[in-house]
Amino acid sequence: MDILIVDDEKSIRENTMIALEAEGHYAEAVDSGRVALLRLKDDDFDLVLLDLRIGEESGLDVLQEIQKRHRNLPVVLFTAYASIDTAVKAMKMGAFDYLEKPFTPEHLRGLLARVEKQRMMKDRIEELEVELVNQSPEPVFESQDSGMREAYDVLFRAAATPASVLILGESGTGKSVVARAIHQRSHLRDKPFVTVHCPSLSKELLESELFGHARGAFTGAIKEKWGKVHAANGGTLFLDEIGELPLDIQPKLLRLLQEREYERVGETKTRQADVRVIAATNRDLKADVESGEFREDLYYRLNVISVDMPPLRMRPQDLQYFANEFLEFFSRQTGRDIKGYSSSAQARISSYDWPGNLRELRNAIERAVILCRGDHIEPEDLPSPNHNGSASGGDSEGSESIHLGGETSIEDLEAEHIRRVLGYAKTMQKAAEILGIDQATLYRKRKRLGLK
């Protein structure tokens, strides 16, 4: 955690900082409530340790100001002037807890453990809220395909170990979903699961996103930042599309994997982080190693446990199963009584290649349920069986509601075009090249447009 200490006694500040850093936390200390409020305005902290008497200032007054400006920030009051009345008053005002000075390292560790437990519960609640908002179908880890069953078996047997895992497969095959499932089946299930989307940012910003940066490390770095490695410490770091990781950053990731050490951008201090790494990519990493685009030593370090996720076109029985599951889910979600697929619609589902795999199938069935005119899905509601990535019933210029020159907004045209390109492009890099934009821009557009 990032912890702010507020105390007017220098020895208390220094000793508390030492104790906190020994426990693996970042600590910063100030000697007045006024300065503390300024620091809280500039930076994000996870906890404030606040003295009840700060010179002429009242810690309770400072607590009140913190509660007004940072409602969800836990504050612990400590003081040498402990009393039941003061403790009760502080708790009523919103203090998380109360610690009497002098306190022992054991008392401090116990307090930090309670704060971290509450923090984890809050993060989990937020995660569940996001899942409810997304309202995605429940992930299924069963398959009629022998290759898929073997992949699940290897991944879930490896889940209980600290070994690095590399998940290979085309876009949309469920790599990120199975990565989270590995975490949930591991001994780290109660620890953080942190995702880094490697193609989403420029090299400089991606390095900062991963490792954090010191204040002034580069233009715009007006305050310190703790990266995703720090956030994942003790848990799982999921590197999505690891094949897009710039060469300059790869040695730093290798160091993290081998030595559990890293440095923030613009800083020389070596920091420790114990993370279990799961990586995924739709690229051929062996070919990238041979071409010099990916470090061989990093590849072998990531490739302790490796599986290929078969594309949906190679799993015909699973294809029909998921088509039925998505139909049932979206019919229920939209309140529509769709009874099933016509025989010709089922034939179209079977004949289409689904280059976007489960992601494309999910989007196609959701659209079909929304636009279906009767109580059965018909062929015109589904993608064409040709292999050009079209998602309409054979209309190469646009979907049923998207027509060039028609009453369609530029945003809708852009969204449809990007969706189709993502459906058939084998990699994010290829899709970005086709669209004439960089990968970071493509990632932002996907997020803004709500594309999967």
Foldseek 3Di string as FASTA:
>chain_A
DEEEEEAQDPVVQVVVCVLQVVVVYHYDYDQDLVVVVVVVVVDPGQEYEFECDRDPDGSLVSLLVCCVVPVPRAYEYEYQPDDPVVQVVSVVSPHPGYYYPPDDSVVVVVVVVVSVVVVLVVVVVVVVVVCVVVLDDDDDQDAPDPQSVVQLVLLQVCLADLAFEEEEEFAQLCQVVVVLVSQCSYPQNSADEEEDEQQQDDLVVSLCQAAWAQQPLDPPSNHTDGHRQSRRFSGAYEYEACLNRFPVCLVQVVCCLPPQWHDHRNDDDIGGGDHRYYYYHHDDVVVCCVVVRHPPSSVVRNVPDYGYRDAVLVRLVVQVVLLVVLLVSLCVVVVHQQPEADPQLNVQSNLARQQNGNLLSNVLSNQQSVPPPDNHRYLQSAAGSDHQQGGGSPDPQFHPPDHVVDPDDPLVVVVRVLLSLSRNDRHLCRSCVVVVHGSNVSVVSCVVNVRD
